Amino acid sequence: SKITKKAQFTGYARDPKQTEKKKLYNVFEKGDVYFNSGDLFRTDNEDFIYFQDRVGDTF
């Protein structure tokens, strides 16, 4: 999910290294920042969203 002023991500409690490992920079445009949750979703033909799986570890 995109990290913005309205949708902030403060990170993992007392673990800035793990927090930084989950951030993705310049994904779609220069300067954007996203959080890689590891959650995998899918959408159907009516644009409903479904959780499918967790990819990788939680850290």
PDB file of N, CA and C in Angstrom:
ATOM      1  N   SER A   1       0.821  -1.175   0.000  1.00  0.00           N
ATOM      2  CA  SER A   1       0.000   0.000   0.000  1.00  0.00           C
ATOM      3  C   SER A   1       0.871   1.246   0.000  1.00  0.00           C
ATOM      4  N   LYS A   2       0.343   2.259  -0.636  1.00  0.00           N
ATOM      5  CA  LYS A   2       1.092   3.502  -0.774  1.00  0.00           C
ATOM      6  C   LYS A   2       1.141   4.234   0.561  1.00  0.00           C
ATOM      7  N   ILE A   3       2.307   4.725   0.912  1.00  0.00           N
ATOM      8  CA  ILE A   3       2.494   5.494   2.131  1.00  0.00           C
ATOM      9  C   ILE A   3       2.361   6.969   1.774  1.00  0.00           C
ATOM     10  N   THR A   4       1.403   7.632   2.400  1.00  0.00           N
ATOM     11  CA  THR A   4       1.162   9.058   2.162  1.00  0.00           C
ATOM     12  C   THR A   4       0.966   9.759   3.506  1.00  0.00           C
ATOM     13  N   LYS A   5       0.748  11.060   3.463  1.00  0.00           N
ATOM     14  CA  LYS A   5       0.465  11.790   4.705  1.00  0.00           C
ATOM     15  C   LYS A   5      -0.854  11.326   5.318  1.00  0.00           C
ATOM     16  N   LYS A   6      -1.829  10.984   4.469  1.00  0.00           N
ATOM     17  CA  LYS A   6      -3.120  10.511   4.972  1.00  0.00           C
ATOM     18  C   LYS A   6      -3.071   9.043   5.381  1.00  0.00           C
ATOM     19  N   ALA A   7      -2.256   8.253   4.713  1.00  0.00           N
ATOM     20  CA  ALA A   7      -2.116   6.822   5.016  1.00  0.00           C
ATOM     21  C   ALA A   7      -0.675   6.554   5.424  1.00  0.00           C
ATOM     22  N   GLN A   8      -0.361   6.933   6.646  1.00  0.00           N
ATOM     23  CA  GLN A   8       1.015   6.828   7.126  1.00  0.00           C
ATOM     24  C   GLN A   8       1.343   5.413   7.579  1.00  0.00           C
ATOM     25  N   PHE A   9       2.611   5.104   7.549  1.00  0.00           N
ATOM     26  CA  PHE A   9       3.117   3.834   8.066  1.00  0.00           C
ATOM     27  C   PHE A   9       4.256   4.175   9.009  1.00  0.00           C
ATOM     28  N   THR A  10       4.019   3.993  10.298  1.00  0.00           N
ATOM     29  CA  THR A  10       5.048   4.350  11.278  1.00  0.00           C
ATOM     30  C   THR A  10       6.078   3.250  11.444  1.00  0.00           C
ATOM     31  N   GLY A  11       5.751   2.048  11.002  1.00  0.00           N
ATOM     32  CA  GLY A  11       6.724   0.971  11.028  1.00  0.00           C
ATOM     33  C   GLY A  11       6.543   0.022  12.193  1.00  0.00           C
ATOM     34  N   TYR A  12       7.474  -0.915  12.264  1.00  0.00           N
ATOM     35  CA  TYR A  12       7.468  -1.907  13.328  1.00  0.00           C
ATOM     36  C   TYR A  12       8.011  -1.287  14.609  1.00  0.00           C
ATOM     37  N   ALA A  13       7.407  -1.597  15.731  1.00  0.00           N
ATOM     38  CA  ALA A  13       7.819  -1.035  17.017  1.00  0.00           C
ATOM     39  C   ALA A  13       9.267  -1.391  17.322  1.00  0.00           C
ATOM     40  N   ARG A  14      10.071  -0.381  17.525  1.00  0.00           N
ATOM     41  CA  ARG A  14      11.479  -0.523  17.908  1.00  0.00           C
ATOM     42  C   ARG A  14      12.290  -1.383  16.938  1.00  0.00           C
ATOM     43  N   ASP A  15      11.913  -1.381  15.656  1.00  0.00           N
ATOM     44  CA  ASP A  15      12.675  -2.169  14.681  1.00  0.00           C
ATOM     45  C   ASP A  15      12.772  -1.428  13.346  1.00  0.00           C
ATOM     46  N   PRO A  16      13.529  -0.333  13.310  1.00  0.00           N
ATOM     47  CA  PRO A  16      13.626   0.468  12.086  1.00  0.00           C
ATOM     48  C   PRO A  16      14.262  -0.280  10.914  1.00  0.00           C
ATOM     49  N   LYS A  17      15.140  -1.243  11.167  1.00  0.00           N
ATOM     50  CA  LYS A  17      15.765  -2.000  10.066  1.00  0.00           C
ATOM     51  C   LYS A  17      14.723  -2.833   9.327  1.00  0.00           C
ATOM     52  N   GLN A  18      13.856  -3.527  10.072  1.00  0.00           N
ATOM     53  CA  GLN A  18      12.807  -4.321   9.429  1.00  0.00           C
ATOM     54  C   GLN A  18      11.796  -3.427   8.719  1.00  0.00           C
ATOM     55  N   THR A  19      11.518  -2.286   9.315  1.00  0.00           N
ATOM     56  CA  THR A  19      10.610  -1.327   8.690  1.00  0.00           C
ATOM     57  C   THR A  19      11.158  -0.891   7.337  1.00  0.00           C
ATOM     58  N   GLU A  20      12.414  -0.531   7.298  1.00  0.00           N
ATOM     59  CA  GLU A  20      13.029  -0.054   6.054  1.00  0.00           C
ATOM     60  C   GLU A  20      13.051  -1.149   4.990  1.00  0.00           C
ATOM     61  N   LYS A  21      13.239  -2.404   5.389  1.00  0.00           N
ATOM     62  CA  LYS A  21      13.265  -3.515   4.431  1.00  0.00           C
ATOM     63  C   LYS A  21      11.920  -3.705   3.736  1.00  0.00           C
ATOM     64  N   LYS A  22      10.837  -3.256   4.367  1.00  0.00           N
ATOM     65  CA  LYS A  22       9.498  -3.420   3.799  1.00  0.00           C
ATOM     66  C   LYS A  22       9.061  -2.258   2.920  1.00  0.00           C
ATOM     67  N   LYS A  23       9.832  -1.192   2.884  1.00  0.00           N
ATOM     68  CA  LYS A  23       9.470  -0.030   2.070  1.00  0.00           C
ATOM     69  C   LYS A  23      10.016  -0.185   0.652  1.00  0.00           C
ATOM     70  N   LEU A  24       9.207   0.173  -0.320  1.00  0.00           N
ATOM     71  CA  LEU A  24       9.594   0.152  -1.731  1.00  0.00           C
ATOM     72  C   LEU A  24       9.542   1.583  -2.247  1.00  0.00           C
ATOM     73  N   TYR A  25      10.605   2.024  -2.871  1.00  0.00           N
ATOM     74  CA  TYR A  25      10.711   3.408  -3.332  1.00  0.00           C
ATOM     75  C   TYR A  25      10.630   3.489  -4.853  1.00  0.00           C
ATOM     76  N   ASN A  26      10.041   4.584  -5.345  1.00  0.00           N
ATOM     77  CA  ASN A  26       9.979   4.885  -6.783  1.00  0.00           C
ATOM     78  C   ASN A  26       9.342   3.743  -7.576  1.00  0.00           C
ATOM     79  N   VAL A  27       8.227   3.241  -7.081  1.00  0.00           N
ATOM     80  CA  VAL A  27       7.558   2.095  -7.702  1.00  0.00           C
ATOM     81  C   VAL A  27       6.892   2.492  -9.016  1.00  0.00           C
ATOM     82  N   PHE A  28       6.035   3.497  -8.975  1.00  0.00           N
ATOM     83  CA  PHE A  28       5.320   3.941 -10.170  1.00  0.00           C
ATOM     84  C   PHE A  28       5.799   5.294 -10.661  1.00  0.00           C
ATOM     85  N   GLU A  29       6.323   6.093  -9.736  1.00  0.00           N
ATOM     86  CA  GLU A  29       6.868   7.396 -10.114  1.00  0.00           C
ATOM     87  C   GLU A  29       7.931   7.794  -9.095  1.00  0.00           C
ATOM     88  N   LYS A  30       8.815   8.654  -9.517  1.00  0.00           N
ATOM     89  CA  LYS A  30       9.901   9.089  -8.654  1.00  0.00           C
ATOM     90  C   LYS A  30       9.339   9.752  -7.396  1.00  0.00           C
ATOM     91  N   GLY A  31       9.796   9.298  -6.241  1.00  0.00           N
ATOM     92  CA  GLY A  31       9.383   9.887  -4.978  1.00  0.00           C
ATOM     93  C   GLY A  31       8.266   9.156  -4.255  1.00  0.00           C
ATOM     94  N   ASP A  32       7.605   8.191  -4.921  1.00  0.00           N
ATOM     95  CA  ASP A  32       6.549   7.470  -4.209  1.00  0.00           C
ATOM     96  C   ASP A  32       7.157   6.403  -3.297  1.00  0.00           C
ATOM     97  N   VAL A  33       6.405   6.030  -2.260  1.00  0.00           N
ATOM     98  CA  VAL A  33       6.853   5.023  -1.298  1.00  0.00           C
ATOM     99  C   VAL A  33       5.681   4.095  -1.009  1.00  0.00           C
ATOM    100  N   TYR A  34       5.944   2.794  -1.059  1.00  0.00           N
ATOM    101  CA  TYR A  34       4.930   1.788  -0.775  1.00  0.00           C
ATOM    102  C   TYR A  34       5.432   0.856   0.314  1.00  0.00           C
ATOM    103  N   PHE A  35       4.487   0.239   1.027  1.00  0.00           N
ATOM    104  CA  PHE A  35       4.794  -0.753   2.042  1.00  0.00           C
ATOM    105  C   PHE A  35       4.457  -2.123   1.480  1.00  0.00           C
ATOM    106  N   ASN A  36       5.422  -3.023   1.487  1.00  0.00           N
ATOM    107  CA  ASN A  36       5.208  -4.379   0.999  1.00  0.00           C
ATOM    108  C   ASN A  36       4.728  -5.249   2.155  1.00  0.00           C
ATOM    109  N   SER A  37       3.425  -5.454   2.237  1.00  0.00           N
ATOM    110  CA  SER A  37       2.846  -6.223   3.342  1.00  0.00           C
ATOM    111  C   SER A  37       3.064  -7.718   3.174  1.00  0.00           C
ATOM    112  N   GLY A  38       3.292  -8.166   1.948  1.00  0.00           N
ATOM    113  CA  GLY A  38       3.405  -9.592   1.692  1.00  0.00           C
ATOM    114  C   GLY A  38       2.056 -10.255   1.463  1.00  0.00           C
ATOM    115  N   ASP A  39       0.969  -9.480   1.537  1.00  0.00           N
ATOM    116  CA  ASP A  39      -0.366 -10.029   1.311  1.00  0.00           C
ATOM    117  C   ASP A  39      -0.656 -10.075  -0.184  1.00  0.00           C
ATOM    118  N   LEU A  40      -1.234 -11.172  -0.629  1.00  0.00           N
ATOM    119  CA  LEU A  40      -1.572 -11.365  -2.037  1.00  0.00           C
ATOM    120  C   LEU A  40      -3.093 -11.373  -2.168  1.00  0.00           C
ATOM    121  N   PHE A  41      -3.615 -10.498  -3.029  1.00  0.00           N
ATOM    122  CA  PHE A  41      -5.052 -10.376  -3.247  1.00  0.00           C
ATOM    123  C   PHE A  41      -5.380 -10.653  -4.705  1.00  0.00           C
ATOM    124  N   ARG A  42      -6.653 -10.925  -4.974  1.00  0.00           N
ATOM    125  CA  ARG A  42      -7.140 -11.045  -6.348  1.00  0.00           C
ATOM    126  C   ARG A  42      -8.463 -10.321  -6.446  1.00  0.00           C
ATOM    127  N   THR A  43      -8.841  -9.941  -7.654  1.00  0.00           N
ATOM    128  CA  THR A  43     -10.148  -9.326  -7.889  1.00  0.00           C
ATOM    129  C   THR A  43     -10.945 -10.200  -8.842  1.00  0.00           C
ATOM    130  N   ASP A  44     -12.260 -10.152  -8.715  1.00  0.00           N
ATOM    131  CA  ASP A  44     -13.108 -10.894  -9.645  1.00  0.00           C
ATOM    132  C   ASP A  44     -13.635  -9.949 -10.724  1.00  0.00           C
ATOM    133  N   ASN A  45     -14.527 -10.451 -11.563  1.00  0.00           N
ATOM    134  CA  ASN A  45     -15.055  -9.660 -12.685  1.00  0.00           C
ATOM    135  C   ASN A  45     -15.872  -8.457 -12.239  1.00  0.00           C
ATOM    136  N   GLU A  46     -16.332  -8.469 -10.991  1.00  0.00           N
ATOM    137  CA  GLU A  46     -17.115  -7.346 -10.470  1.00  0.00           C
ATOM    138  C   GLU A  46     -16.273  -6.451  -9.564  1.00  0.00           C
ATOM    139  N   ASP A  47     -14.972  -6.627  -9.617  1.00  0.00           N
ATOM    140  CA  ASP A  47     -14.004  -5.840  -8.843  1.00  0.00           C
ATOM    141  C   ASP A  47     -14.091  -6.031  -7.332  1.00  0.00           C
ATOM    142  N   PHE A  48     -14.624  -7.176  -6.892  1.00  0.00           N
ATOM    143  CA  PHE A  48     -14.531  -7.519  -5.481  1.00  0.00           C
ATOM    144  C   PHE A  48     -13.107  -8.000  -5.215  1.00  0.00           C
ATOM    145  N   ILE A  49     -12.592  -7.680  -4.045  1.00  0.00           N
ATOM    146  CA  ILE A  49     -11.206  -8.011  -3.697  1.00  0.00           C
ATOM    147  C   ILE A  49     -11.206  -9.155  -2.690  1.00  0.00           C
ATOM    148  N   TYR A  50     -10.340 -10.153  -2.929  1.00  0.00           N
ATOM    149  CA  TYR A  50     -10.246 -11.327  -2.069  1.00  0.00           C
ATOM    150  C   TYR A  50      -8.805 -11.544  -1.625  1.00  0.00           C
ATOM    151  N   PHE A  51      -8.633 -11.793  -0.333  1.00  0.00           N
ATOM    152  CA  PHE A  51      -7.320 -12.160   0.186  1.00  0.00           C
ATOM    153  C   PHE A  51      -7.031 -13.588  -0.249  1.00  0.00           C
ATOM    154  N   GLN A  52      -5.833 -13.832  -0.794  1.00  0.00           N
ATOM    155  CA  GLN A  52      -5.455 -15.158  -1.258  1.00  0.00           C
ATOM    156  C   GLN A  52      -4.433 -15.830  -0.349  1.00  0.00           C
ATOM    157  N   ASP A  53      -3.384 -15.093   0.002  1.00  0.00           N
ATOM    158  CA  ASP A  53      -2.278 -15.735   0.715  1.00  0.00           C
ATOM    159  C   ASP A  53      -1.342 -14.674   1.261  1.00  0.00           C
ATOM    160  N   ARG A  54      -0.443 -15.089   2.100  1.00  0.00           N
ATOM    161  CA  ARG A  54       0.652 -14.242   2.560  1.00  0.00           C
ATOM    162  C   ARG A  54       1.916 -14.789   1.896  1.00  0.00           C
ATOM    163  N   VAL A  55       2.654 -13.914   1.223  1.00  0.00           N
ATOM    164  CA  VAL A  55       3.851 -14.308   0.484  1.00  0.00           C
ATOM    165  C   VAL A  55       5.081 -13.969   1.327  1.00  0.00           C
ATOM    166  N   GLY A  56       5.944 -14.930   1.545  1.00  0.00           N
ATOM    167  CA  GLY A  56       7.161 -14.679   2.325  1.00  0.00           C
ATOM    168  C   GLY A  56       6.876 -14.583   3.804  1.00  0.00           C
ATOM    169  N   ASP A  57       7.846 -14.049   4.550  1.00  0.00           N
ATOM    170  CA  ASP A  57       7.647 -13.913   5.999  1.00  0.00           C
ATOM    171  C   ASP A  57       6.908 -12.623   6.297  1.00  0.00           C
ATOM    172  N   THR A  58       6.590 -12.474   7.542  1.00  0.00           N
ATOM    173  CA  THR A  58       5.942 -11.242   7.966  1.00  0.00           C
ATOM    174  C   THR A  58       6.967 -10.149   8.215  1.00  0.00           C
ATOM    175  N   PHE A  59       8.242 -10.502   8.290  1.00  0.00           N
ATOM    176  CA  PHE A  59       9.315  -9.510   8.440  1.00  0.00           C
ATOM    177  C   PHE A  59      10.200  -9.567   7.227  1.00  0.00           C
TER     178      PHE A  59
END
